Amino acid sequence: MAATVLIVDDDERFRDLARRMLTTWGYQPESEAGTVTEALQRVAEMRPDVALVDIGLPDGTGLELSRVLAGAPWWVRVILVSSDSDATTTAEAAAAGARAFIPKTDLSGALLHSSLEDD
């Protein structure tokens, strides 16, 4: 069964691009959210296997959301993305419990897939 994915980004065009990339690699992007609040509602409803989360959101940060998801009663693989890819972002993402950080400028279906493969 393909992993279910929640896409969290306030940019609808990015969500569409991510949905197409994930579908190509066999994932099921079942829900989307544009804010941390919406994301938490979707997580409670669908219990996703994967959350693709933008770091910059209107009502909080993807880092905060990643910390919350790390404490979920089931395992959620979080991949953080951002158009602002300063040197500390990768370390911050790891500290927040994210599986990976991918700058949006480097995002590809193959990179997403390799970041989501089981250990």
PDB file of N, CA and C in Angstrom:
ATOM      1  N   MET A   1       0.840  -1.179   0.000  1.00  0.00           N
ATOM      2  CA  MET A   1       0.000   0.000   0.000  1.00  0.00           C
ATOM      3  C   MET A   1       0.887   1.246   0.000  1.00  0.00           C
ATOM      4  N   ALA A   2       0.547   2.226  -0.809  1.00  0.00           N
ATOM      5  CA  ALA A   2       1.338   3.444  -0.912  1.00  0.00           C
ATOM      6  C   ALA A   2       1.168   4.298   0.332  1.00  0.00           C
ATOM      7  N   ALA A   3       2.232   4.998   0.687  1.00  0.00           N
ATOM      8  CA  ALA A   3       2.203   5.885   1.848  1.00  0.00           C
ATOM      9  C   ALA A   3       1.256   7.055   1.592  1.00  0.00           C
ATOM     10  N   THR A   4       0.494   7.424   2.625  1.00  0.00           N
ATOM     11  CA  THR A   4      -0.390   8.579   2.525  1.00  0.00           C
ATOM     12  C   THR A   4       0.389   9.831   2.914  1.00  0.00           C
ATOM     13  N   VAL A   5       0.121  10.908   2.206  1.00  0.00           N
ATOM     14  CA  VAL A   5       0.904  12.127   2.370  1.00  0.00           C
ATOM     15  C   VAL A   5      -0.005  13.325   2.613  1.00  0.00           C
ATOM     16  N   LEU A   6       0.402  14.154   3.553  1.00  0.00           N
ATOM     17  CA  LEU A   6      -0.199  15.460   3.790  1.00  0.00           C
ATOM     18  C   LEU A   6       0.795  16.500   3.295  1.00  0.00           C
ATOM     19  N   ILE A   7       0.354  17.382   2.414  1.00  0.00           N
ATOM     20  CA  ILE A   7       1.195  18.461   1.889  1.00  0.00           C
ATOM     21  C   ILE A   7       0.791  19.755   2.587  1.00  0.00           C
ATOM     22  N   VAL A   8       1.759  20.402   3.235  1.00  0.00           N
ATOM     23  CA  VAL A   8       1.483  21.623   3.996  1.00  0.00           C
ATOM     24  C   VAL A   8       2.326  22.759   3.429  1.00  0.00           C
ATOM     25  N   ASP A   9       1.664  23.682   2.761  1.00  0.00           N
ATOM     26  CA  ASP A   9       2.339  24.848   2.187  1.00  0.00           C
ATOM     27  C   ASP A   9       1.279  25.889   1.902  1.00  0.00           C
ATOM     28  N   ASP A  10       1.587  27.167   2.126  1.00  0.00           N
ATOM     29  CA  ASP A  10       0.608  28.216   1.866  1.00  0.00           C
ATOM     30  C   ASP A  10       0.535  28.617   0.395  1.00  0.00           C
ATOM     31  N   ASP A  11       1.387  28.051  -0.450  1.00  0.00           N
ATOM     32  CA  ASP A  11       1.398  28.340  -1.879  1.00  0.00           C
ATOM     33  C   ASP A  11       0.704  27.195  -2.632  1.00  0.00           C
ATOM     34  N   GLU A  12      -0.473  27.480  -3.169  1.00  0.00           N
ATOM     35  CA  GLU A  12      -1.258  26.457  -3.857  1.00  0.00           C
ATOM     36  C   GLU A  12      -0.509  25.881  -5.065  1.00  0.00           C
ATOM     37  N   ARG A  13       0.266  26.697  -5.757  1.00  0.00           N
ATOM     38  CA  ARG A  13       1.029  26.196  -6.911  1.00  0.00           C
ATOM     39  C   ARG A  13       2.085  25.183  -6.475  1.00  0.00           C
ATOM     40  N   PHE A  14       2.724  25.435  -5.336  1.00  0.00           N
ATOM     41  CA  PHE A  14       3.700  24.471  -4.841  1.00  0.00           C
ATOM     42  C   PHE A  14       3.003  23.172  -4.437  1.00  0.00           C
ATOM     43  N   ARG A  15       1.857  23.277  -3.774  1.00  0.00           N
ATOM     44  CA  ARG A  15       1.131  22.064  -3.381  1.00  0.00           C
ATOM     45  C   ARG A  15       0.779  21.225  -4.610  1.00  0.00           C
ATOM     46  N   ASP A  16       0.371  21.883  -5.685  1.00  0.00           N
ATOM     47  CA  ASP A  16       0.039  21.165  -6.922  1.00  0.00           C
ATOM     48  C   ASP A  16       1.278  20.461  -7.487  1.00  0.00           C
ATOM     49  N   LEU A  17       2.394  21.146  -7.537  1.00  0.00           N
ATOM     50  CA  LEU A  17       3.646  20.558  -8.023  1.00  0.00           C
ATOM     51  C   LEU A  17       4.057  19.363  -7.160  1.00  0.00           C
ATOM     52  N   ALA A  18       4.010  19.533  -5.853  1.00  0.00           N
ATOM     53  CA  ALA A  18       4.388  18.453  -4.942  1.00  0.00           C
ATOM     54  C   ALA A  18       3.457  17.259  -5.104  1.00  0.00           C
ATOM     55  N   ARG A  19       2.165  17.512  -5.243  1.00  0.00           N
ATOM     56  CA  ARG A  19       1.191  16.437  -5.426  1.00  0.00           C
ATOM     57  C   ARG A  19       1.513  15.625  -6.683  1.00  0.00           C
ATOM     58  N   ARG A  20       1.835  16.304  -7.768  1.00  0.00           N
ATOM     59  CA  ARG A  20       2.170  15.600  -9.015  1.00  0.00           C
ATOM     60  C   ARG A  20       3.449  14.786  -8.870  1.00  0.00           C
ATOM     61  N   MET A  21       4.469  15.343  -8.233  1.00  0.00           N
ATOM     62  CA  MET A  21       5.727  14.607  -8.035  1.00  0.00           C
ATOM     63  C   MET A  21       5.505  13.369  -7.169  1.00  0.00           C
ATOM     64  N   LEU A  22       4.796  13.533  -6.086  1.00  0.00           N
ATOM     65  CA  LEU A  22       4.570  12.414  -5.174  1.00  0.00           C
ATOM     66  C   LEU A  22       3.751  11.311  -5.838  1.00  0.00           C
ATOM     67  N   THR A  23       2.734  11.686  -6.589  1.00  0.00           N
ATOM     68  CA  THR A  23       1.899  10.701  -7.279  1.00  0.00           C
ATOM     69  C   THR A  23       2.725   9.901  -8.279  1.00  0.00           C
ATOM     70  N   THR A  24       3.622  10.570  -8.988  1.00  0.00           N
ATOM     71  CA  THR A  24       4.486   9.896  -9.954  1.00  0.00           C
ATOM     72  C   THR A  24       5.310   8.797  -9.293  1.00  0.00           C
ATOM     73  N   TRP A  25       5.712   9.007  -8.050  1.00  0.00           N
ATOM     74  CA  TRP A  25       6.550   8.042  -7.340  1.00  0.00           C
ATOM     75  C   TRP A  25       5.738   7.064  -6.493  1.00  0.00           C
ATOM     76  N   GLY A  26       4.410   7.054  -6.662  1.00  0.00           N
ATOM     77  CA  GLY A  26       3.585   6.050  -6.004  1.00  0.00           C
ATOM     78  C   GLY A  26       3.043   6.404  -4.641  1.00  0.00           C
ATOM     79  N   TYR A  27       3.203   7.643  -4.224  1.00  0.00           N
ATOM     80  CA  TYR A  27       2.647   8.078  -2.943  1.00  0.00           C
ATOM     81  C   TYR A  27       1.224   8.579  -3.165  1.00  0.00           C
ATOM     82  N   GLN A  28       0.443   8.626  -2.097  1.00  0.00           N
ATOM     83  CA  GLN A  28      -0.945   9.078  -2.171  1.00  0.00           C
ATOM     84  C   GLN A  28      -1.102  10.402  -1.433  1.00  0.00           C
ATOM     85  N   PRO A  29      -0.944  11.531  -2.127  1.00  0.00           N
ATOM     86  CA  PRO A  29      -1.159  12.816  -1.463  1.00  0.00           C
ATOM     87  C   PRO A  29      -2.655  13.013  -1.227  1.00  0.00           C
ATOM     88  N   GLU A  30      -3.104  12.650  -0.042  1.00  0.00           N
ATOM     89  CA  GLU A  30      -4.534  12.598   0.245  1.00  0.00           C
ATOM     90  C   GLU A  30      -5.114  13.887   0.791  1.00  0.00           C
ATOM     91  N   SER A  31      -4.261  14.774   1.296  1.00  0.00           N
ATOM     92  CA  SER A  31      -4.797  15.997   1.870  1.00  0.00           C
ATOM     93  C   SER A  31      -3.756  17.101   1.795  1.00  0.00           C
ATOM     94  N   GLU A  32      -4.262  18.324   1.891  1.00  0.00           N
ATOM     95  CA  GLU A  32      -3.401  19.502   1.837  1.00  0.00           C
ATOM     96  C   GLU A  32      -3.837  20.487   2.903  1.00  0.00           C
ATOM     97  N   ALA A  33      -2.893  21.336   3.293  1.00  0.00           N
ATOM     98  CA  ALA A  33      -3.183  22.392   4.255  1.00  0.00           C
ATOM     99  C   ALA A  33      -2.309  23.591   3.922  1.00  0.00           C
ATOM    100  N   GLY A  34      -2.804  24.782   4.253  1.00  0.00           N
ATOM    101  CA  GLY A  34      -2.053  25.999   3.998  1.00  0.00           C
ATOM    102  C   GLY A  34      -1.517  26.662   5.252  1.00  0.00           C
ATOM    103  N   THR A  35      -1.888  26.114   6.416  1.00  0.00           N
ATOM    104  CA  THR A  35      -1.448  26.678   7.690  1.00  0.00           C
ATOM    105  C   THR A  35      -1.152  25.546   8.677  1.00  0.00           C
ATOM    106  N   VAL A  36      -0.493  25.890   9.770  1.00  0.00           N
ATOM    107  CA  VAL A  36      -0.236  24.912  10.830  1.00  0.00           C
ATOM    108  C   VAL A  36      -1.565  24.429  11.413  1.00  0.00           C
ATOM    109  N   THR A  37      -2.498  25.345  11.640  1.00  0.00           N
ATOM    110  CA  THR A  37      -3.798  24.987  12.199  1.00  0.00           C
ATOM    111  C   THR A  37      -4.531  23.985  11.316  1.00  0.00           C
ATOM    112  N   GLU A  38      -4.584  24.257  10.013  1.00  0.00           N
ATOM    113  CA  GLU A  38      -5.226  23.327   9.082  1.00  0.00           C
ATOM    114  C   GLU A  38      -4.495  21.989   9.075  1.00  0.00           C
ATOM    115  N   ALA A  39      -3.174  22.032   9.112  1.00  0.00           N
ATOM    116  CA  ALA A  39      -2.383  20.801   9.094  1.00  0.00           C
ATOM    117  C   ALA A  39      -2.704  19.928  10.299  1.00  0.00           C
ATOM    118  N   LEU A  40      -2.806  20.520  11.473  1.00  0.00           N
ATOM    119  CA  LEU A  40      -3.121  19.750  12.677  1.00  0.00           C
ATOM    120  C   LEU A  40      -4.511  19.121  12.578  1.00  0.00           C
ATOM    121  N   GLN A  41      -5.461  19.828  11.968  1.00  0.00           N
ATOM    122  CA  GLN A  41      -6.794  19.261  11.751  1.00  0.00           C
ATOM    123  C   GLN A  41      -6.715  18.066  10.793  1.00  0.00           C
ATOM    124  N   ARG A  42      -5.979  18.221   9.700  1.00  0.00           N
ATOM    125  CA  ARG A  42      -5.843  17.129   8.713  1.00  0.00           C
ATOM    126  C   ARG A  42      -5.130  15.919   9.330  1.00  0.00           C
ATOM    127  N   VAL A  43      -4.104  16.174  10.139  1.00  0.00           N
ATOM    128  CA  VAL A  43      -3.365  15.077  10.795  1.00  0.00           C
ATOM    129  C   VAL A  43      -4.308  14.273  11.678  1.00  0.00           C
ATOM    130  N   ALA A  44      -5.150  14.948  12.437  1.00  0.00           N
ATOM    131  CA  ALA A  44      -6.090  14.254  13.316  1.00  0.00           C
ATOM    132  C   ALA A  44      -7.094  13.432  12.518  1.00  0.00           C
ATOM    133  N   GLU A  45      -7.482  13.926  11.341  1.00  0.00           N
ATOM    134  CA  GLU A  45      -8.457  13.231  10.504  1.00  0.00           C
ATOM    135  C   GLU A  45      -7.864  12.036   9.761  1.00  0.00           C
ATOM    136  N   MET A  46      -6.649  12.193   9.243  1.00  0.00           N
ATOM    137  CA  MET A  46      -6.135  11.179   8.308  1.00  0.00           C
ATOM    138  C   MET A  46      -4.960  10.356   8.801  1.00  0.00           C
ATOM    139  N   ARG A  47      -4.275  10.794   9.847  1.00  0.00           N
ATOM    140  CA  ARG A  47      -3.087  10.088  10.359  1.00  0.00           C
ATOM    141  C   ARG A  47      -2.133   9.726   9.209  1.00  0.00           C
ATOM    142  N   PRO A  48      -1.527  10.717   8.576  1.00  0.00           N
ATOM    143  CA  PRO A  48      -0.683  10.455   7.405  1.00  0.00           C
ATOM    144  C   PRO A  48       0.598   9.705   7.760  1.00  0.00           C
ATOM    145  N   ASP A  49       1.137   9.012   6.767  1.00  0.00           N
ATOM    146  CA  ASP A  49       2.440   8.364   6.908  1.00  0.00           C
ATOM    147  C   ASP A  49       3.558   9.388   6.733  1.00  0.00           C
ATOM    148  N   VAL A  50       3.295  10.379   5.885  1.00  0.00           N
ATOM    149  CA  VAL A  50       4.298  11.375   5.502  1.00  0.00           C
ATOM    150  C   VAL A  50       3.668  12.761   5.544  1.00  0.00           C
ATOM    151  N   ALA A  51       4.448  13.746   5.985  1.00  0.00           N
ATOM    152  CA  ALA A  51       4.031  15.143   5.895  1.00  0.00           C
ATOM    153  C   ALA A  51       5.146  15.918   5.200  1.00  0.00           C
ATOM    154  N   LEU A  52       4.814  16.512   4.073  1.00  0.00           N
ATOM    155  CA  LEU A  52       5.729  17.387   3.346  1.00  0.00           C
ATOM    156  C   LEU A  52       5.364  18.798   3.763  1.00  0.00           C
ATOM    157  N   VAL A  53       6.257  19.470   4.496  1.00  0.00           N
ATOM    158  CA  VAL A  53       5.902  20.697   5.211  1.00  0.00           C
ATOM    159  C   VAL A  53       6.840  21.846   4.865  1.00  0.00           C
ATOM    160  N   ASP A  54       6.254  22.964   4.466  1.00  0.00           N
ATOM    161  CA  ASP A  54       7.016  24.189   4.246  1.00  0.00           C
ATOM    162  C   ASP A  54       7.397  24.765   5.608  1.00  0.00           C
ATOM    163  N   ILE A  55       8.578  25.321   5.696  1.00  0.00           N
ATOM    164  CA  ILE A  55       9.022  25.897   6.971  1.00  0.00           C
ATOM    165  C   ILE A  55       8.279  27.193   7.282  1.00  0.00           C
ATOM    166  N   GLY A  56       8.050  28.019   6.271  1.00  0.00           N
ATOM    167  CA  GLY A  56       7.383  29.303   6.492  1.00  0.00           C
ATOM    168  C   GLY A  56       5.891  29.213   6.240  1.00  0.00           C
ATOM    169  N   LEU A  57       5.109  29.268   7.325  1.00  0.00           N
ATOM    170  CA  LEU A  57       3.653  29.213   7.211  1.00  0.00           C
ATOM    171  C   LEU A  57       3.059  30.439   7.892  1.00  0.00           C
ATOM    172  N   PRO A  58       1.848  30.851   7.484  1.00  0.00           N
ATOM    173  CA  PRO A  58       1.281  32.103   7.997  1.00  0.00           C
ATOM    174  C   PRO A  58       1.051  32.137   9.507  1.00  0.00           C
ATOM    175  N   ASP A  59       0.779  30.984  10.119  1.00  0.00           N
ATOM    176  CA  ASP A  59       0.437  30.989  11.549  1.00  0.00           C
ATOM    177  C   ASP A  59       1.436  30.220  12.414  1.00  0.00           C
ATOM    178  N   GLY A  60       2.629  30.030  11.915  1.00  0.00           N
ATOM    179  CA  GLY A  60       3.656  29.319  12.667  1.00  0.00           C
ATOM    180  C   GLY A  60       4.729  28.825  11.719  1.00  0.00           C
ATOM    181  N   THR A  61       5.519  27.879  12.183  1.00  0.00           N
ATOM    182  CA  THR A  61       6.582  27.365  11.321  1.00  0.00           C
ATOM    183  C   THR A  61       6.456  25.861  11.141  1.00  0.00           C
ATOM    184  N   GLY A  62       7.007  25.385  10.042  1.00  0.00           N
ATOM    185  CA  GLY A  62       7.076  23.956   9.802  1.00  0.00           C
ATOM    186  C   GLY A  62       7.926  23.257  10.844  1.00  0.00           C
ATOM    187  N   LEU A  63       8.900  23.971  11.404  1.00  0.00           N
ATOM    188  CA  LEU A  63       9.724  23.392  12.469  1.00  0.00           C
ATOM    189  C   LEU A  63       8.858  23.081  13.694  1.00  0.00           C
ATOM    190  N   GLU A  64       7.975  24.012  14.053  1.00  0.00           N
ATOM    191  CA  GLU A  64       7.061  23.783  15.173  1.00  0.00           C
ATOM    192  C   GLU A  64       6.142  22.598  14.881  1.00  0.00           C
ATOM    193  N   LEU A  65       5.611  22.558  13.663  1.00  0.00           N
ATOM    194  CA  LEU A  65       4.722  21.462  13.279  1.00  0.00           C
ATOM    195  C   LEU A  65       5.460  20.130  13.313  1.00  0.00           C
ATOM    196  N   SER A  66       6.701  20.112  12.868  1.00  0.00           N
ATOM    197  CA  SER A  66       7.500  18.888  12.888  1.00  0.00           C
ATOM    198  C   SER A  66       7.677  18.390  14.323  1.00  0.00           C
ATOM    199  N   ARG A  67       7.915  19.296  15.251  1.00  0.00           N
ATOM    200  CA  ARG A  67       8.055  18.903  16.664  1.00  0.00           C
ATOM    201  C   ARG A  67       6.773  18.256  17.185  1.00  0.00           C
ATOM    202  N   VAL A  68       5.629  18.819  16.806  1.00  0.00           N
ATOM    203  CA  VAL A  68       4.342  18.257  17.232  1.00  0.00           C
ATOM    204  C   VAL A  68       4.165  16.860  16.622  1.00  0.00           C
ATOM    205  N   LEU A  69       4.466  16.728  15.344  1.00  0.00           N
ATOM    206  CA  LEU A  69       4.286  15.435  14.673  1.00  0.00           C
ATOM    207  C   LEU A  69       5.245  14.382  15.214  1.00  0.00           C
ATOM    208  N   ALA A  70       6.419  14.814  15.668  1.00  0.00           N
ATOM    209  CA  ALA A  70       7.374  13.863  16.258  1.00  0.00           C
ATOM    210  C   ALA A  70       6.802  13.229  17.521  1.00  0.00           C
ATOM    211  N   GLY A  71       5.854  13.902  18.163  1.00  0.00           N
ATOM    212  CA  GLY A  71       5.230  13.373  19.358  1.00  0.00           C
ATOM    213  C   GLY A  71       3.910  12.650  19.098  1.00  0.00           C
ATOM    214  N   ALA A  72       3.563  12.471  17.818  1.00  0.00           N
ATOM    215  CA  ALA A  72       2.313  11.782  17.482  1.00  0.00           C
ATOM    216  C   ALA A  72       2.370  10.323  17.929  1.00  0.00           C
ATOM    217  N   PRO A  73       1.219   9.727  18.227  1.00  0.00           N
ATOM    218  CA  PRO A  73       1.201   8.339  18.683  1.00  0.00           C
ATOM    219  C   PRO A  73       1.502   7.319  17.580  1.00  0.00           C
ATOM    220  N   TRP A  74       1.741   7.755  16.384  1.00  0.00           N
ATOM    221  CA  TRP A  74       2.166   6.902  15.280  1.00  0.00           C
ATOM    222  C   TRP A  74       3.311   7.617  14.583  1.00  0.00           C
ATOM    223  N   TRP A  75       4.073   6.894  13.810  1.00  0.00           N
ATOM    224  CA  TRP A  75       5.252   7.467  13.163  1.00  0.00           C
ATOM    225  C   TRP A  75       4.860   8.250  11.928  1.00  0.00           C
ATOM    226  N   VAL A  76       5.225   9.520  11.882  1.00  0.00           N
ATOM    227  CA  VAL A  76       5.000  10.378  10.726  1.00  0.00           C
ATOM    228  C   VAL A  76       6.368  10.816  10.219  1.00  0.00           C
ATOM    229  N   ARG A  77       6.672  10.491   8.977  1.00  0.00           N
ATOM    230  CA  ARG A  77       7.929  10.952   8.378  1.00  0.00           C
ATOM    231  C   ARG A  77       7.708  12.372   7.873  1.00  0.00           C
ATOM    232  N   VAL A  78       8.474  13.309   8.414  1.00  0.00           N
ATOM    233  CA  VAL A  78       8.343  14.714   8.040  1.00  0.00           C
ATOM    234  C   VAL A  78       9.509  15.099   7.143  1.00  0.00           C
ATOM    235  N   ILE A  79       9.174  15.693   6.003  1.00  0.00           N
ATOM    236  CA  ILE A  79      10.161  16.288   5.103  1.00  0.00           C
ATOM    237  C   ILE A  79       9.869  17.780   5.087  1.00  0.00           C
ATOM    238  N   LEU A  80      10.841  18.570   5.510  1.00  0.00           N
ATOM    239  CA  LEU A  80      10.683  20.019   5.504  1.00  0.00           C
ATOM    240  C   LEU A  80      11.246  20.593   4.213  1.00  0.00           C
ATOM    241  N   VAL A  81      10.567  21.602   3.683  1.00  0.00           N
ATOM    242  CA  VAL A  81      11.017  22.292   2.480  1.00  0.00           C
ATOM    243  C   VAL A  81      10.948  23.796   2.729  1.00  0.00           C
ATOM    244  N   SER A  82      11.772  24.524   1.991  1.00  0.00           N
ATOM    245  CA  SER A  82      11.736  25.979   2.106  1.00  0.00           C
ATOM    246  C   SER A  82      12.458  26.605   0.928  1.00  0.00           C
ATOM    247  N   SER A  83      12.016  27.798   0.572  1.00  0.00           N
ATOM    248  CA  SER A  83      12.733  28.557  -0.456  1.00  0.00           C
ATOM    249  C   SER A  83      13.910  29.304   0.165  1.00  0.00           C
ATOM    250  N   ASP A  84      13.951  29.371   1.503  1.00  0.00           N
ATOM    251  CA  ASP A  84      15.058  30.005   2.224  1.00  0.00           C
ATOM    252  C   ASP A  84      15.928  28.888   2.807  1.00  0.00           C
ATOM    253  N   SER A  85      17.044  28.609   2.161  1.00  0.00           N
ATOM    254  CA  SER A  85      17.857  27.449   2.559  1.00  0.00           C
ATOM    255  C   SER A  85      19.199  27.877   3.132  1.00  0.00           C
ATOM    256  N   ASP A  86      19.154  28.616   4.236  1.00  0.00           N
ATOM    257  CA  ASP A  86      20.413  29.013   4.861  1.00  0.00           C
ATOM    258  C   ASP A  86      21.108  27.800   5.484  1.00  0.00           C
ATOM    259  N   ALA A  87      22.317  27.946   5.906  1.00  0.00           N
ATOM    260  CA  ALA A  87      23.155  26.837   6.360  1.00  0.00           C
ATOM    261  C   ALA A  87      22.627  26.143   7.620  1.00  0.00           C
ATOM    262  N   THR A  88      21.873  26.842   8.441  1.00  0.00           N
ATOM    263  CA  THR A  88      21.412  26.226   9.682  1.00  0.00           C
ATOM    264  C   THR A  88      20.107  25.452   9.521  1.00  0.00           C
ATOM    265  N   THR A  89      19.448  25.558   8.399  1.00  0.00           N
ATOM    266  CA  THR A  89      18.145  24.937   8.235  1.00  0.00           C
ATOM    267  C   THR A  89      18.193  23.424   8.364  1.00  0.00           C
ATOM    268  N   THR A  90      19.171  22.758   7.806  1.00  0.00           N
ATOM    269  CA  THR A  90      19.266  21.298   7.880  1.00  0.00           C
ATOM    270  C   THR A  90      19.403  20.842   9.328  1.00  0.00           C
ATOM    271  N   ALA A  91      20.253  21.501  10.085  1.00  0.00           N
ATOM    272  CA  ALA A  91      20.429  21.148  11.491  1.00  0.00           C
ATOM    273  C   ALA A  91      19.159  21.425  12.288  1.00  0.00           C
ATOM    274  N   GLU A  92      18.509  22.533  12.014  1.00  0.00           N
ATOM    275  CA  GLU A  92      17.260  22.865  12.703  1.00  0.00           C
ATOM    276  C   GLU A  92      16.174  21.845  12.387  1.00  0.00           C
ATOM    277  N   ALA A  93      16.121  21.417  11.135  1.00  0.00           N
ATOM    278  CA  ALA A  93      15.125  20.417  10.728  1.00  0.00           C
ATOM    279  C   ALA A  93      15.338  19.109  11.478  1.00  0.00           C
ATOM    280  N   ALA A  94      16.572  18.668  11.553  1.00  0.00           N
ATOM    281  CA  ALA A  94      16.883  17.426  12.274  1.00  0.00           C
ATOM    282  C   ALA A  94      16.527  17.560  13.750  1.00  0.00           C
ATOM    283  N   ALA A  95      16.839  18.693  14.347  1.00  0.00           N
ATOM    284  CA  ALA A  95      16.529  18.912  15.757  1.00  0.00           C
ATOM    285  C   ALA A  95      15.018  18.926  16.006  1.00  0.00           C
ATOM    286  N   ALA A  96      14.252  19.288  14.983  1.00  0.00           N
ATOM    287  CA  ALA A  96      12.795  19.332  15.113  1.00  0.00           C
ATOM    288  C   ALA A  96      12.148  17.979  14.813  1.00  0.00           C
ATOM    289  N   GLY A  97      12.966  16.965  14.542  1.00  0.00           N
ATOM    290  CA  GLY A  97      12.432  15.632  14.301  1.00  0.00           C
ATOM    291  C   GLY A  97      12.136  15.306  12.854  1.00  0.00           C
ATOM    292  N   ALA A  98      12.505  16.193  11.941  1.00  0.00           N
ATOM    293  CA  ALA A  98      12.250  15.946  10.523  1.00  0.00           C
ATOM    294  C   ALA A  98      13.239  14.925   9.969  1.00  0.00           C
ATOM    295  N   ARG A  99      12.766  14.152   9.042  1.00  0.00           N
ATOM    296  CA  ARG A  99      13.606  13.143   8.389  1.00  0.00           C
ATOM    297  C   ARG A  99      14.603  13.800   7.437  1.00  0.00           C
ATOM    298  N   ALA A 100      14.194  14.918   6.828  1.00  0.00           N
ATOM    299  CA  ALA A 100      15.074  15.594   5.871  1.00  0.00           C
ATOM    300  C   ALA A 100      14.625  17.033   5.684  1.00  0.00           C
ATOM    301  N   PHE A 101      15.541  17.818   5.145  1.00  0.00           N
ATOM    302  CA  PHE A 101      15.236  19.163   4.677  1.00  0.00           C
ATOM    303  C   PHE A 101      15.657  19.235   3.223  1.00  0.00           C
ATOM    304  N   ILE A 102      14.760  19.733   2.375  1.00  0.00           N
ATOM    305  CA  ILE A 102      15.069  19.889   0.953  1.00  0.00           C
ATOM    306  C   ILE A 102      14.757  21.325   0.548  1.00  0.00           C
ATOM    307  N   PRO A 103      15.762  22.062   0.078  1.00  0.00           N
ATOM    308  CA  PRO A 103      15.461  23.397  -0.456  1.00  0.00           C
ATOM    309  C   PRO A 103      14.521  23.259  -1.659  1.00  0.00           C
ATOM    310  N   LYS A 104      13.560  24.145  -1.768  1.00  0.00           N
ATOM    311  CA  LYS A 104      12.607  24.055  -2.880  1.00  0.00           C
ATOM    312  C   LYS A 104      13.307  24.128  -4.233  1.00  0.00           C
ATOM    313  N   THR A 105      14.419  24.836  -4.292  1.00  0.00           N
ATOM    314  CA  THR A 105      15.140  24.932  -5.564  1.00  0.00           C
ATOM    315  C   THR A 105      15.756  23.605  -5.981  1.00  0.00           C
ATOM    316  N   ASP A 106      15.939  22.675  -5.034  1.00  0.00           N
ATOM    317  CA  ASP A 106      16.519  21.362  -5.324  1.00  0.00           C
ATOM    318  C   ASP A 106      15.473  20.254  -5.394  1.00  0.00           C
ATOM    319  N   LEU A 107      14.227  20.589  -5.153  1.00  0.00           N
ATOM    320  CA  LEU A 107      13.183  19.581  -5.035  1.00  0.00           C
ATOM    321  C   LEU A 107      12.949  18.855  -6.357  1.00  0.00           C
ATOM    322  N   SER A 108      12.942  17.544  -6.281  1.00  0.00           N
ATOM    323  CA  SER A 108      12.597  16.700  -7.425  1.00  0.00           C
ATOM    324  C   SER A 108      11.874  15.475  -6.891  1.00  0.00           C
ATOM    325  N   GLY A 109      11.151  14.797  -7.761  1.00  0.00           N
ATOM    326  CA  GLY A 109      10.468  13.574  -7.356  1.00  0.00           C
ATOM    327  C   GLY A 109      11.438  12.528  -6.868  1.00  0.00           C
ATOM    328  N   ALA A 110      12.568  12.399  -7.545  1.00  0.00           N
ATOM    329  CA  ALA A 110      13.563  11.393  -7.154  1.00  0.00           C
ATOM    330  C   ALA A 110      14.143  11.707  -5.778  1.00  0.00           C
ATOM    331  N   LEU A 111      14.413  12.980  -5.502  1.00  0.00           N
ATOM    332  CA  LEU A 111      14.960  13.361  -4.197  1.00  0.00           C
ATOM    333  C   LEU A 111      13.928  13.137  -3.092  1.00  0.00           C
ATOM    334  N   LEU A 112      12.679  13.468  -3.362  1.00  0.00           N
ATOM    335  CA  LEU A 112      11.624  13.191  -2.390  1.00  0.00           C
ATOM    336  C   LEU A 112      11.540  11.696  -2.111  1.00  0.00           C
ATOM    337  N   HIS A 113      11.528  10.906  -3.160  1.00  0.00           N
ATOM    338  CA  HIS A 113      11.430   9.455  -3.023  1.00  0.00           C
ATOM    339  C   HIS A 113      12.591   8.905  -2.191  1.00  0.00           C
ATOM    340  N   SER A 114      13.808   9.328  -2.493  1.00  0.00           N
ATOM    341  CA  SER A 114      14.961   8.814  -1.746  1.00  0.00           C
ATOM    342  C   SER A 114      14.905   9.265  -0.288  1.00  0.00           C
ATOM    343  N   SER A 115      14.364  10.429  -0.001  1.00  0.00           N
ATOM    344  CA  SER A 115      14.247  10.910   1.378  1.00  0.00           C
ATOM    345  C   SER A 115      13.192  10.138   2.158  1.00  0.00           C
ATOM    346  N   LEU A 116      12.254   9.524   1.457  1.00  0.00           N
ATOM    347  CA  LEU A 116      11.161   8.828   2.111  1.00  0.00           C
ATOM    348  C   LEU A 116      11.331   7.318   2.192  1.00  0.00           C
ATOM    349  N   GLU A 117      12.358   6.786   1.544  1.00  0.00           N
ATOM    350  CA  GLU A 117      12.572   5.342   1.605  1.00  0.00           C
ATOM    351  C   GLU A 117      12.828   4.919   3.047  1.00  0.00           C
ATOM    352  N   ASP A 118      12.347   3.743   3.377  1.00  0.00           N
ATOM    353  CA  ASP A 118      12.582   3.214   4.722  1.00  0.00           C
ATOM    354  C   ASP A 118      14.057   2.949   4.936  1.00  0.00           C
ATOM    355  N   ASP A 119      14.497   3.113   6.169  1.00  0.00           N
ATOM    356  CA  ASP A 119      15.884   2.837   6.517  1.00  0.00           C
ATOM    357  C   ASP A 119      16.200   1.366   6.397  1.00  0.00           C
TER     358      ASP A 119
END
